[in-house]
Amino acid sequence: MTTIEFSEWQKLDLRVGEIENAEEIEGADKLYKLTINLGSEKRTLVAGLKKFYSPKQLKSKRCIVFTNLAPRKMKGIESQGMILAAVSEDESQVVLISPEKDVAVGSKIR
């Protein structure tokens, strides 16, 4: 395991988001195109959740979003962040990380 200094951790901008929509991506067997509400803005993210969640299960789900990750194109779609999830060692389980209690969309994670 690699350790980092606290100052490195402080660079991360993690926020509570709410998934407004999950769409199929043509030709993608693992990916969804997600519309995420972050309170002050909405973002498009591409996430490999298809094997673990249906679009209906994702809609209105609260999640933790890494908002200041550099954008990356996947299947021609610019992903503007990353949703955090717990992943089992063999990757057979993927579970979105979400707030324990109701908290405002856009709240910072510290």
PDB file of N, CA and C in Angstrom:
ATOM      1  N   MET A   1       0.843  -1.174   0.000  1.00  0.00           N
ATOM      2  CA  MET A   1       0.000   0.000   0.000  1.00  0.00           C
ATOM      3  C   MET A   1       0.893   1.243   0.000  1.00  0.00           C
ATOM      4  N   THR A   2       0.522   2.198  -0.824  1.00  0.00           N
ATOM      5  CA  THR A   2       1.238   3.464  -0.912  1.00  0.00           C
ATOM      6  C   THR A   2       0.577   4.467   0.024  1.00  0.00           C
ATOM      7  N   THR A   3       1.385   5.208   0.761  1.00  0.00           N
ATOM      8  CA  THR A   3       0.833   6.252   1.616  1.00  0.00           C
ATOM      9  C   THR A   3       1.002   7.603   0.927  1.00  0.00           C
ATOM     10  N   ILE A   4       0.101   8.518   1.264  1.00  0.00           N
ATOM     11  CA  ILE A   4       0.180   9.873   0.719  1.00  0.00           C
ATOM     12  C   ILE A   4       0.126  10.863   1.875  1.00  0.00           C
ATOM     13  N   GLU A   5       0.613  12.027   1.628  1.00  0.00           N
ATOM     14  CA  GLU A   5       0.565  13.092   2.623  1.00  0.00           C
ATOM     15  C   GLU A   5      -0.850  13.675   2.677  1.00  0.00           C
ATOM     16  N   PHE A   6      -1.218  14.237   3.809  1.00  0.00           N
ATOM     17  CA  PHE A   6      -2.535  14.835   3.983  1.00  0.00           C
ATOM     18  C   PHE A   6      -2.790  15.912   2.938  1.00  0.00           C
ATOM     19  N   SER A   7      -1.756  16.644   2.577  1.00  0.00           N
ATOM     20  CA  SER A   7      -1.906  17.708   1.576  1.00  0.00           C
ATOM     21  C   SER A   7      -2.363  17.144   0.226  1.00  0.00           C
ATOM     22  N   GLU A   8      -1.960  15.913  -0.097  1.00  0.00           N
ATOM     23  CA  GLU A   8      -2.419  15.266  -1.328  1.00  0.00           C
ATOM     24  C   GLU A   8      -3.897  14.931  -1.229  1.00  0.00           C
ATOM     25  N   TRP A   9      -4.335  14.394  -0.096  1.00  0.00           N
ATOM     26  CA  TRP A   9      -5.749  14.061   0.138  1.00  0.00           C
ATOM     27  C   TRP A   9      -6.614  15.309  -0.013  1.00  0.00           C
ATOM     28  N   GLN A  10      -6.125  16.452   0.473  1.00  0.00           N
ATOM     29  CA  GLN A  10      -6.890  17.696   0.412  1.00  0.00           C
ATOM     30  C   GLN A  10      -7.157  18.162  -1.014  1.00  0.00           C
ATOM     31  N   LYS A  11      -6.406  17.664  -1.983  1.00  0.00           N
ATOM     32  CA  LYS A  11      -6.619  18.047  -3.377  1.00  0.00           C
ATOM     33  C   LYS A  11      -7.885  17.433  -3.966  1.00  0.00           C
ATOM     34  N   LEU A  12      -8.361  16.320  -3.379  1.00  0.00           N
ATOM     35  CA  LEU A  12      -9.549  15.653  -3.896  1.00  0.00           C
ATOM     36  C   LEU A  12     -10.799  16.456  -3.572  1.00  0.00           C
ATOM     37  N   ASP A  13     -11.665  16.594  -4.553  1.00  0.00           N
ATOM     38  CA  ASP A  13     -12.970  17.226  -4.332  1.00  0.00           C
ATOM     39  C   ASP A  13     -14.017  16.132  -4.486  1.00  0.00           C
ATOM     40  N   LEU A  14     -14.467  15.611  -3.346  1.00  0.00           N
ATOM     41  CA  LEU A  14     -15.482  14.567  -3.310  1.00  0.00           C
ATOM     42  C   LEU A  14     -16.784  15.194  -2.855  1.00  0.00           C
ATOM     43  N   ARG A  15     -17.871  14.903  -3.576  1.00  0.00           N
ATOM     44  CA  ARG A  15     -19.169  15.508  -3.283  1.00  0.00           C
ATOM     45  C   ARG A  15     -20.273  14.465  -3.334  1.00  0.00           C
ATOM     46  N   VAL A  16     -21.359  14.768  -2.626  1.00  0.00           N
ATOM     47  CA  VAL A  16     -22.556  13.940  -2.709  1.00  0.00           C
ATOM     48  C   VAL A  16     -23.281  14.302  -4.001  1.00  0.00           C
ATOM     49  N   GLY A  17     -23.586  13.293  -4.778  1.00  0.00           N
ATOM     50  CA  GLY A  17     -24.337  13.485  -6.008  1.00  0.00           C
ATOM     51  C   GLY A  17     -25.578  12.621  -6.005  1.00  0.00           C
ATOM     52  N   GLU A  18     -26.499  12.947  -6.892  1.00  0.00           N
ATOM     53  CA  GLU A  18     -27.693  12.136  -7.062  1.00  0.00           C
ATOM     54  C   GLU A  18     -27.818  11.779  -8.540  1.00  0.00           C
ATOM     55  N   ILE A  19     -27.977  10.501  -8.817  1.00  0.00           N
ATOM     56  CA  ILE A  19     -28.093  10.039 -10.194  1.00  0.00           C
ATOM     57  C   ILE A  19     -29.501  10.361 -10.691  1.00  0.00           C
ATOM     58  N   GLU A  20     -29.577  11.197 -11.701  1.00  0.00           N
ATOM     59  CA  GLU A  20     -30.874  11.576 -12.269  1.00  0.00           C
ATOM     60  C   GLU A  20     -31.288  10.647 -13.405  1.00  0.00           C
ATOM     61  N   ASN A  21     -30.290  10.116 -14.119  1.00  0.00           N
ATOM     62  CA  ASN A  21     -30.614   9.278 -15.267  1.00  0.00           C
ATOM     63  C   ASN A  21     -29.451   8.336 -15.556  1.00  0.00           C
ATOM     64  N   ALA A  22     -29.775   7.122 -15.974  1.00  0.00           N
ATOM     65  CA  ALA A  22     -28.782   6.137 -16.409  1.00  0.00           C
ATOM     66  C   ALA A  22     -29.221   5.629 -17.772  1.00  0.00           C
ATOM     67  N   GLU A  23     -28.361   5.806 -18.758  1.00  0.00           N
ATOM     68  CA  GLU A  23     -28.696   5.434 -20.135  1.00  0.00           C
ATOM     69  C   GLU A  23     -27.745   4.373 -20.660  1.00  0.00           C
ATOM     70  N   GLU A  24     -28.286   3.510 -21.500  1.00  0.00           N
ATOM     71  CA  GLU A  24     -27.472   2.528 -22.219  1.00  0.00           C
ATOM     72  C   GLU A  24     -26.559   3.288 -23.186  1.00  0.00           C
ATOM     73  N   ILE A  25     -25.375   2.739 -23.417  1.00  0.00           N
ATOM     74  CA  ILE A  25     -24.454   3.281 -24.417  1.00  0.00           C
ATOM     75  C   ILE A  25     -24.324   2.227 -25.502  1.00  0.00           C
ATOM     76  N   GLU A  26     -24.629   2.614 -26.720  1.00  0.00           N
ATOM     77  CA  GLU A  26     -24.565   1.672 -27.837  1.00  0.00           C
ATOM     78  C   GLU A  26     -23.174   1.050 -27.936  1.00  0.00           C
ATOM     79  N   GLY A  27     -23.134  -0.269 -27.990  1.00  0.00           N
ATOM     80  CA  GLY A  27     -21.871  -0.986 -28.136  1.00  0.00           C
ATOM     81  C   GLY A  27     -21.088  -1.179 -26.847  1.00  0.00           C
ATOM     82  N   ALA A  28     -21.654  -0.773 -25.719  1.00  0.00           N
ATOM     83  CA  ALA A  28     -20.953  -0.910 -24.435  1.00  0.00           C
ATOM     84  C   ALA A  28     -21.646  -1.977 -23.586  1.00  0.00           C
ATOM     85  N   ASP A  29     -20.915  -3.019 -23.222  1.00  0.00           N
ATOM     86  CA  ASP A  29     -21.519  -4.086 -22.431  1.00  0.00           C
ATOM     87  C   ASP A  29     -21.369  -3.869 -20.925  1.00  0.00           C
ATOM     88  N   LYS A  30     -20.554  -2.902 -20.511  1.00  0.00           N
ATOM     89  CA  LYS A  30     -20.337  -2.657 -19.079  1.00  0.00           C
ATOM     90  C   LYS A  30     -20.729  -1.247 -18.632  1.00  0.00           C
ATOM     91  N   LEU A  31     -20.855  -0.333 -19.574  1.00  0.00           N
ATOM     92  CA  LEU A  31     -20.963   1.087 -19.237  1.00  0.00           C
ATOM     93  C   LEU A  31     -22.374   1.655 -19.345  1.00  0.00           C
ATOM     94  N   TYR A  32     -22.634   2.611 -18.462  1.00  0.00           N
ATOM     95  CA  TYR A  32     -23.818   3.467 -18.547  1.00  0.00           C
ATOM     96  C   TYR A  32     -23.351   4.918 -18.677  1.00  0.00           C
ATOM     97  N   LYS A  33     -24.158   5.712 -19.330  1.00  0.00           N
ATOM     98  CA  LYS A  33     -23.992   7.165 -19.331  1.00  0.00           C
ATOM     99  C   LYS A  33     -24.919   7.677 -18.237  1.00  0.00           C
ATOM    100  N   LEU A  34     -24.348   8.352 -17.240  1.00  0.00           N
ATOM    101  CA  LEU A  34     -25.110   8.838 -16.090  1.00  0.00           C
ATOM    102  C   LEU A  34     -25.196  10.352 -16.099  1.00  0.00           C
ATOM    103  N   THR A  35     -26.343  10.875 -15.731  1.00  0.00           N
ATOM    104  CA  THR A  35     -26.503  12.300 -15.467  1.00  0.00           C
ATOM    105  C   THR A  35     -26.552  12.438 -13.954  1.00  0.00           C
ATOM    106  N   ILE A  36     -25.617  13.216 -13.412  1.00  0.00           N
ATOM    107  CA  ILE A  36     -25.467  13.369 -11.970  1.00  0.00           C
ATOM    108  C   ILE A  36     -25.766  14.803 -11.558  1.00  0.00           C
ATOM    109  N   ASN A  37     -26.631  14.967 -10.574  1.00  0.00           N
ATOM    110  CA  ASN A  37     -26.921  16.276  -9.990  1.00  0.00           C
ATOM    111  C   ASN A  37     -25.963  16.482  -8.823  1.00  0.00           C
ATOM    112  N   LEU A  38     -25.185  17.559  -8.878  1.00  0.00           N
ATOM    113  CA  LEU A  38     -24.255  17.903  -7.800  1.00  0.00           C
ATOM    114  C   LEU A  38     -24.701  19.163  -7.059  1.00  0.00           C
ATOM    115  N   GLY A  39     -25.954  19.509  -7.176  1.00  0.00           N
ATOM    116  CA  GLY A  39     -26.482  20.699  -6.509  1.00  0.00           C
ATOM    117  C   GLY A  39     -26.345  21.936  -7.361  1.00  0.00           C
ATOM    118  N   SER A  40     -25.136  22.451  -7.472  1.00  0.00           N
ATOM    119  CA  SER A  40     -24.907  23.674  -8.244  1.00  0.00           C
ATOM    120  C   SER A  40     -24.698  23.409  -9.735  1.00  0.00           C
ATOM    121  N   GLU A  41     -24.563  22.133 -10.098  1.00  0.00           N
ATOM    122  CA  GLU A  41     -24.346  21.777 -11.502  1.00  0.00           C
ATOM    123  C   GLU A  41     -24.742  20.329 -11.740  1.00  0.00           C
ATOM    124  N   LYS A  42     -24.861  19.995 -13.030  1.00  0.00           N
ATOM    125  CA  LYS A  42     -25.111  18.618 -13.439  1.00  0.00           C
ATOM    126  C   LYS A  42     -23.931  18.177 -14.294  1.00  0.00           C
ATOM    127  N   ARG A  43     -23.583  16.904 -14.175  1.00  0.00           N
ATOM    128  CA  ARG A  43     -22.463  16.369 -14.938  1.00  0.00           C
ATOM    129  C   ARG A  43     -22.834  15.064 -15.606  1.00  0.00           C
ATOM    130  N   THR A  44     -22.098  14.757 -16.659  1.00  0.00           N
ATOM    131  CA  THR A  44     -22.211  13.469 -17.323  1.00  0.00           C
ATOM    132  C   THR A  44     -21.017  12.624 -16.897  1.00  0.00           C
ATOM    133  N   LEU A  45     -21.307  11.414 -16.455  1.00  0.00           N
ATOM    134  CA  LEU A  45     -20.269  10.461 -16.085  1.00  0.00           C
ATOM    135  C   LEU A  45     -20.517   9.166 -16.830  1.00  0.00           C
ATOM    136  N   VAL A  46     -19.455   8.465 -17.128  1.00  0.00           N
ATOM    137  CA  VAL A  46     -19.552   7.125 -17.696  1.00  0.00           C
ATOM    138  C   VAL A  46     -19.040   6.174 -16.630  1.00  0.00           C
ATOM    139  N   ALA A  47     -19.840   5.154 -16.313  1.00  0.00           N
ATOM    140  CA  ALA A  47     -19.481   4.250 -15.229  1.00  0.00           C
ATOM    141  C   ALA A  47     -19.755   2.800 -15.603  1.00  0.00           C
ATOM    142  N   GLY A  48     -18.842   1.920 -15.218  1.00  0.00           N
ATOM    143  CA  GLY A  48     -18.958   0.493 -15.498  1.00  0.00           C
ATOM    144  C   GLY A  48     -19.808  -0.225 -14.473  1.00  0.00           C
ATOM    145  N   LEU A  49     -21.078   0.081 -14.453  1.00  0.00           N
ATOM    146  CA  LEU A  49     -21.993  -0.464 -13.445  1.00  0.00           C
ATOM    147  C   LEU A  49     -23.051  -1.404 -14.015  1.00  0.00           C
ATOM    148  N   LYS A  50     -23.051  -1.628 -15.300  1.00  0.00           N
ATOM    149  CA  LYS A  50     -24.131  -2.360 -15.963  1.00  0.00           C
ATOM    150  C   LYS A  50     -24.333  -3.772 -15.407  1.00  0.00           C
ATOM    151  N   LYS A  51     -23.266  -4.449 -15.055  1.00  0.00           N
ATOM    152  CA  LYS A  51     -23.347  -5.808 -14.535  1.00  0.00           C
ATOM    153  C   LYS A  51     -23.961  -5.848 -13.125  1.00  0.00           C
ATOM    154  N   PHE A  52     -23.945  -4.712 -12.429  1.00  0.00           N
ATOM    155  CA  PHE A  52     -24.302  -4.689 -11.013  1.00  0.00           C
ATOM    156  C   PHE A  52     -25.589  -3.936 -10.686  1.00  0.00           C
ATOM    157  N   TYR A  53     -26.009  -3.036 -11.577  1.00  0.00           N
ATOM    158  CA  TYR A  53     -27.206  -2.215 -11.342  1.00  0.00           C
ATOM    159  C   TYR A  53     -27.989  -2.052 -12.637  1.00  0.00           C
ATOM    160  N   SER A  54     -29.301  -1.996 -12.518  1.00  0.00           N
ATOM    161  CA  SER A  54     -30.148  -1.648 -13.658  1.00  0.00           C
ATOM    162  C   SER A  54     -30.318  -0.128 -13.665  1.00  0.00           C
ATOM    163  N   PRO A  55     -30.716   0.463 -14.786  1.00  0.00           N
ATOM    164  CA  PRO A  55     -30.971   1.906 -14.792  1.00  0.00           C
ATOM    165  C   PRO A  55     -32.002   2.306 -13.732  1.00  0.00           C
ATOM    166  N   LYS A  56     -33.008   1.488 -13.537  1.00  0.00           N
ATOM    167  CA  LYS A  56     -34.047   1.779 -12.538  1.00  0.00           C
ATOM    168  C   LYS A  56     -33.459   1.810 -11.111  1.00  0.00           C
ATOM    169  N   GLN A  57     -32.539   0.903 -10.800  1.00  0.00           N
ATOM    170  CA  GLN A  57     -31.906   0.881  -9.481  1.00  0.00           C
ATOM    171  C   GLN A  57     -31.026   2.112  -9.255  1.00  0.00           C
ATOM    172  N   LEU A  58     -30.464   2.642 -10.317  1.00  0.00           N
ATOM    173  CA  LEU A  58     -29.562   3.791 -10.192  1.00  0.00           C
ATOM    174  C   LEU A  58     -30.305   5.121 -10.074  1.00  0.00           C
ATOM    175  N   LYS A  59     -31.460   5.218 -10.710  1.00  0.00           N
ATOM    176  CA  LYS A  59     -32.193   6.488 -10.710  1.00  0.00           C
ATOM    177  C   LYS A  59     -32.507   6.928  -9.283  1.00  0.00           C
ATOM    178  N   SER A  60     -32.180   8.182  -8.979  1.00  0.00           N
ATOM    179  CA  SER A  60     -32.398   8.840  -7.685  1.00  0.00           C
ATOM    180  C   SER A  60     -31.468   8.344  -6.578  1.00  0.00           C
ATOM    181  N   LYS A  61     -30.503   7.497  -6.905  1.00  0.00           N
ATOM    182  CA  LYS A  61     -29.560   6.998  -5.899  1.00  0.00           C
ATOM    183  C   LYS A  61     -28.529   8.071  -5.579  1.00  0.00           C
ATOM    184  N   ARG A  62     -28.275   8.260  -4.292  1.00  0.00           N
ATOM    185  CA  ARG A  62     -27.212   9.167  -3.846  1.00  0.00           C
ATOM    186  C   ARG A  62     -25.879   8.431  -3.894  1.00  0.00           C
ATOM    187  N   CYS A  63     -24.834   9.139  -4.258  1.00  0.00           N
ATOM    188  CA  CYS A  63     -23.516   8.530  -4.400  1.00  0.00           C
ATOM    189  C   CYS A  63     -22.437   9.568  -4.088  1.00  0.00           C
ATOM    190  N   ILE A  64     -21.207   9.099  -4.021  1.00  0.00           N
ATOM    191  CA  ILE A  64     -20.066   9.987  -3.804  1.00  0.00           C
ATOM    192  C   ILE A  64     -19.338  10.124  -5.140  1.00  0.00           C
ATOM    193  N   VAL A  65     -19.097  11.377  -5.541  1.00  0.00           N
ATOM    194  CA  VAL A  65     -18.495  11.663  -6.842  1.00  0.00           C
ATOM    195  C   VAL A  65     -17.161  12.377  -6.658  1.00  0.00           C
ATOM    196  N   PHE A  66     -16.141  11.867  -7.331  1.00  0.00           N
ATOM    197  CA  PHE A  66     -14.821  12.494  -7.405  1.00  0.00           C
ATOM    198  C   PHE A  66     -14.947  13.530  -8.518  1.00  0.00           C
ATOM    199  N   THR A  67     -15.120  14.809  -8.129  1.00  0.00           N
ATOM    200  CA  THR A  67     -15.494  15.836  -9.105  1.00  0.00           C
ATOM    201  C   THR A  67     -14.324  16.504  -9.821  1.00  0.00           C
ATOM    202  N   ASN A  68     -13.128  16.489  -9.237  1.00  0.00           N
ATOM    203  CA  ASN A  68     -12.022  17.187  -9.899  1.00  0.00           C
ATOM    204  C   ASN A  68     -11.029  16.230 -10.568  1.00  0.00           C
ATOM    205  N   LEU A  69     -11.518  15.057 -10.934  1.00  0.00           N
ATOM    206  CA  LEU A  69     -10.743  14.132 -11.748  1.00  0.00           C
ATOM    207  C   LEU A  69     -10.740  14.666 -13.180  1.00  0.00           C
ATOM    208  N   ALA A  70      -9.600  14.597 -13.835  1.00  0.00           N
ATOM    209  CA  ALA A  70      -9.518  15.085 -15.222  1.00  0.00           C
ATOM    210  C   ALA A  70     -10.525  14.335 -16.098  1.00  0.00           C
ATOM    211  N   PRO A  71     -11.239  15.050 -16.975  1.00  0.00           N
ATOM    212  CA  PRO A  71     -12.207  14.396 -17.867  1.00  0.00           C
ATOM    213  C   PRO A  71     -11.532  13.338 -18.741  1.00  0.00           C
ATOM    214  N   ARG A  72     -12.319  12.315 -19.098  1.00  0.00           N
ATOM    215  CA  ARG A  72     -11.805  11.228 -19.927  1.00  0.00           C
ATOM    216  C   ARG A  72     -12.901  10.779 -20.883  1.00  0.00           C
ATOM    217  N   LYS A  73     -12.540  10.575 -22.141  1.00  0.00           N
ATOM    218  CA  LYS A  73     -13.526  10.114 -23.131  1.00  0.00           C
ATOM    219  C   LYS A  73     -13.598   8.591 -23.117  1.00  0.00           C
ATOM    220  N   MET A  74     -14.847   8.097 -23.043  1.00  0.00           N
ATOM    221  CA  MET A  74     -15.103   6.663 -23.138  1.00  0.00           C
ATOM    222  C   MET A  74     -16.282   6.464 -24.071  1.00  0.00           C
ATOM    223  N   LYS A  75     -16.109   5.629 -25.071  1.00  0.00           N
ATOM    224  CA  LYS A  75     -17.155   5.379 -26.069  1.00  0.00           C
ATOM    225  C   LYS A  75     -17.676   6.690 -26.669  1.00  0.00           C
ATOM    226  N   GLY A  76     -16.765   7.651 -26.840  1.00  0.00           N
ATOM    227  CA  GLY A  76     -17.123   8.924 -27.445  1.00  0.00           C
ATOM    228  C   GLY A  76     -17.819   9.909 -26.519  1.00  0.00           C
ATOM    229  N   ILE A  77     -17.959   9.553 -25.238  1.00  0.00           N
ATOM    230  CA  ILE A  77     -18.632  10.419 -24.266  1.00  0.00           C
ATOM    231  C   ILE A  77     -17.604  10.909 -23.256  1.00  0.00           C
ATOM    232  N   GLU A  78     -17.596  12.220 -22.986  1.00  0.00           N
ATOM    233  CA  GLU A  78     -16.677  12.758 -21.993  1.00  0.00           C
ATOM    234  C   GLU A  78     -17.236  12.516 -20.589  1.00  0.00           C
ATOM    235  N   SER A  79     -16.492  11.754 -19.794  1.00  0.00           N
ATOM    236  CA  SER A  79     -16.868  11.491 -18.413  1.00  0.00           C
ATOM    237  C   SER A  79     -16.231  12.568 -17.543  1.00  0.00           C
ATOM    238  N   GLN A  80     -17.065  13.280 -16.795  1.00  0.00           N
ATOM    239  CA  GLN A  80     -16.627  14.449 -16.026  1.00  0.00           C
ATOM    240  C   GLN A  80     -16.552  14.141 -14.536  1.00  0.00           C
ATOM    241  N   GLY A  81     -15.895  13.047 -14.190  1.00  0.00           N
ATOM    242  CA  GLY A  81     -15.738  12.649 -12.802  1.00  0.00           C
ATOM    243  C   GLY A  81     -15.833  11.149 -12.668  1.00  0.00           C
ATOM    244  N   MET A  82     -15.901  10.691 -11.417  1.00  0.00           N
ATOM    245  CA  MET A  82     -15.970   9.261 -11.151  1.00  0.00           C
ATOM    246  C   MET A  82     -16.828   9.018  -9.914  1.00  0.00           C
ATOM    247  N   ILE A  83     -17.683   8.003  -9.988  1.00  0.00           N
ATOM    248  CA  ILE A  83     -18.471   7.582  -8.825  1.00  0.00           C
ATOM    249  C   ILE A  83     -17.626   6.604  -8.031  1.00  0.00           C
ATOM    250  N   LEU A  84     -17.611   6.755  -6.706  1.00  0.00           N
ATOM    251  CA  LEU A  84     -16.851   5.838  -5.868  1.00  0.00           C
ATOM    252  C   LEU A  84     -17.687   4.625  -5.505  1.00  0.00           C
ATOM    253  N   ALA A  85     -17.032   3.470  -5.489  1.00  0.00           N
ATOM    254  CA  ALA A  85     -17.704   2.211  -5.167  1.00  0.00           C
ATOM    255  C   ALA A  85     -16.736   1.304  -4.423  1.00  0.00           C
ATOM    256  N   ALA A  86     -17.303   0.427  -3.606  1.00  0.00           N
ATOM    257  CA  ALA A  86     -16.527  -0.641  -2.975  1.00  0.00           C
ATOM    258  C   ALA A  86     -16.524  -1.809  -3.948  1.00  0.00           C
ATOM    259  N   VAL A  87     -15.347  -2.406  -4.176  1.00  0.00           N
ATOM    260  CA  VAL A  87     -15.197  -3.487  -5.150  1.00  0.00           C
ATOM    261  C   VAL A  87     -14.509  -4.672  -4.478  1.00  0.00           C
ATOM    262  N   SER A  88     -15.126  -5.845  -4.600  1.00  0.00           N
ATOM    263  CA  SER A  88     -14.529  -7.043  -4.013  1.00  0.00           C
ATOM    264  C   SER A  88     -13.238  -7.403  -4.733  1.00  0.00           C
ATOM    265  N   GLU A  89     -12.405  -8.174  -4.066  1.00  0.00           N
ATOM    266  CA  GLU A  89     -11.098  -8.574  -4.604  1.00  0.00           C
ATOM    267  C   GLU A  89     -11.204  -9.166  -6.009  1.00  0.00           C
ATOM    268  N   ASP A  90     -12.203 -10.025  -6.233  1.00  0.00           N
ATOM    269  CA  ASP A  90     -12.355 -10.667  -7.538  1.00  0.00           C
ATOM    270  C   ASP A  90     -13.281  -9.881  -8.483  1.00  0.00           C
ATOM    271  N   GLU A  91     -13.689  -8.694  -8.055  1.00  0.00           N
ATOM    272  CA  GLU A  91     -14.553  -7.793  -8.825  1.00  0.00           C
ATOM    273  C   GLU A  91     -15.925  -8.385  -9.144  1.00  0.00           C
ATOM    274  N   SER A  92     -16.372  -9.341  -8.336  1.00  0.00           N
ATOM    275  CA  SER A  92     -17.700  -9.919  -8.531  1.00  0.00           C
ATOM    276  C   SER A  92     -18.780  -9.081  -7.854  1.00  0.00           C
ATOM    277  N   GLN A  93     -18.367  -8.192  -6.977  1.00  0.00           N
ATOM    278  CA  GLN A  93     -19.301  -7.288  -6.306  1.00  0.00           C
ATOM    279  C   GLN A  93     -18.820  -5.859  -6.454  1.00  0.00           C
ATOM    280  N   VAL A  94     -19.729  -4.995  -6.835  1.00  0.00           N
ATOM    281  CA  VAL A  94     -19.464  -3.558  -6.902  1.00  0.00           C
ATOM    282  C   VAL A  94     -20.654  -2.884  -6.236  1.00  0.00           C
ATOM    283  N   VAL A  95     -20.374  -2.109  -5.185  1.00  0.00           N
ATOM    284  CA  VAL A  95     -21.433  -1.456  -4.413  1.00  0.00           C
ATOM    285  C   VAL A  95     -21.119   0.034  -4.334  1.00  0.00           C
ATOM    286  N   LEU A  96     -22.050   0.855  -4.797  1.00  0.00           N
ATOM    287  CA  LEU A  96     -21.843   2.302  -4.728  1.00  0.00           C
ATOM    288  C   LEU A  96     -21.743   2.755  -3.277  1.00  0.00           C
ATOM    289  N   ILE A  97     -20.863   3.699  -3.048  1.00  0.00           N
ATOM    290  CA  ILE A  97     -20.723   4.301  -1.726  1.00  0.00           C
ATOM    291  C   ILE A  97     -21.698   5.467  -1.664  1.00  0.00           C
ATOM    292  N   SER A  98     -22.503   5.484  -0.612  1.00  0.00           N
ATOM    293  CA  SER A  98     -23.501   6.549  -0.483  1.00  0.00           C
ATOM    294  C   SER A  98     -23.546   7.047   0.953  1.00  0.00           C
ATOM    295  N   PRO A  99     -24.061   8.264   1.164  1.00  0.00           N
ATOM    296  CA  PRO A  99     -24.152   8.796   2.523  1.00  0.00           C
ATOM    297  C   PRO A  99     -25.064   7.933   3.389  1.00  0.00           C
ATOM    298  N   GLU A 100     -24.708   7.804   4.646  1.00  0.00           N
ATOM    299  CA  GLU A 100     -25.486   7.014   5.595  1.00  0.00           C
ATOM    300  C   GLU A 100     -26.846   7.640   5.889  1.00  0.00           C
ATOM    301  N   LYS A 101     -26.864   8.973   5.951  1.00  0.00           N
ATOM    302  CA  LYS A 101     -28.093   9.709   6.236  1.00  0.00           C
ATOM    303  C   LYS A 101     -28.352  10.708   5.124  1.00  0.00           C
ATOM    304  N   ASP A 102     -29.546  11.295   5.134  1.00  0.00           N
ATOM    305  CA  ASP A 102     -29.902  12.280   4.125  1.00  0.00           C
ATOM    306  C   ASP A 102     -29.057  13.541   4.331  1.00  0.00           C
ATOM    307  N   VAL A 103     -28.388  13.957   3.286  1.00  0.00           N
ATOM    308  CA  VAL A 103     -27.563  15.159   3.299  1.00  0.00           C
ATOM    309  C   VAL A 103     -27.728  15.827   1.938  1.00  0.00           C
ATOM    310  N   ALA A 104     -27.579  17.121   1.910  1.00  0.00           N
ATOM    311  CA  ALA A 104     -27.808  17.875   0.675  1.00  0.00           C
ATOM    312  C   ALA A 104     -26.905  17.424  -0.464  1.00  0.00           C
ATOM    313  N   VAL A 105     -27.474  17.343  -1.654  1.00  0.00           N
ATOM    314  CA  VAL A 105     -26.704  17.074  -2.855  1.00  0.00           C
ATOM    315  C   VAL A 105     -25.681  18.197  -2.999  1.00  0.00           C
ATOM    316  N   GLY A 106     -24.448  17.837  -3.317  1.00  0.00           N
ATOM    317  CA  GLY A 106     -23.371  18.810  -3.457  1.00  0.00           C
ATOM    318  C   GLY A 106     -22.529  18.948  -2.202  1.00  0.00           C
ATOM    319  N   SER A 107     -22.967  18.329  -1.091  1.00  0.00           N
ATOM    320  CA  SER A 107     -22.178  18.396   0.155  1.00  0.00           C
ATOM    321  C   SER A 107     -20.793  17.820  -0.057  1.00  0.00           C
ATOM    322  N   LYS A 108     -19.789  18.451   0.562  1.00  0.00           N
ATOM    323  CA  LYS A 108     -18.405  17.997   0.462  1.00  0.00           C
ATOM    324  C   LYS A 108     -18.175  16.790   1.364  1.00  0.00           C
ATOM    325  N   ILE A 109     -17.285  15.913   0.924  1.00  0.00           N
ATOM    326  CA  ILE A 109     -16.849  14.779   1.716  1.00  0.00           C
ATOM    327  C   ILE A 109     -15.476  15.139   2.277  1.00  0.00           C
ATOM    328  N   ARG A 110     -15.333  14.977   3.582  1.00  0.00           N
ATOM    329  CA  ARG A 110     -14.035  15.282   4.224  1.00  0.00           C
ATOM    330  C   ARG A 110     -13.610  14.138   5.102  1.00  0.00           C
TER     331      ARG A 110
END
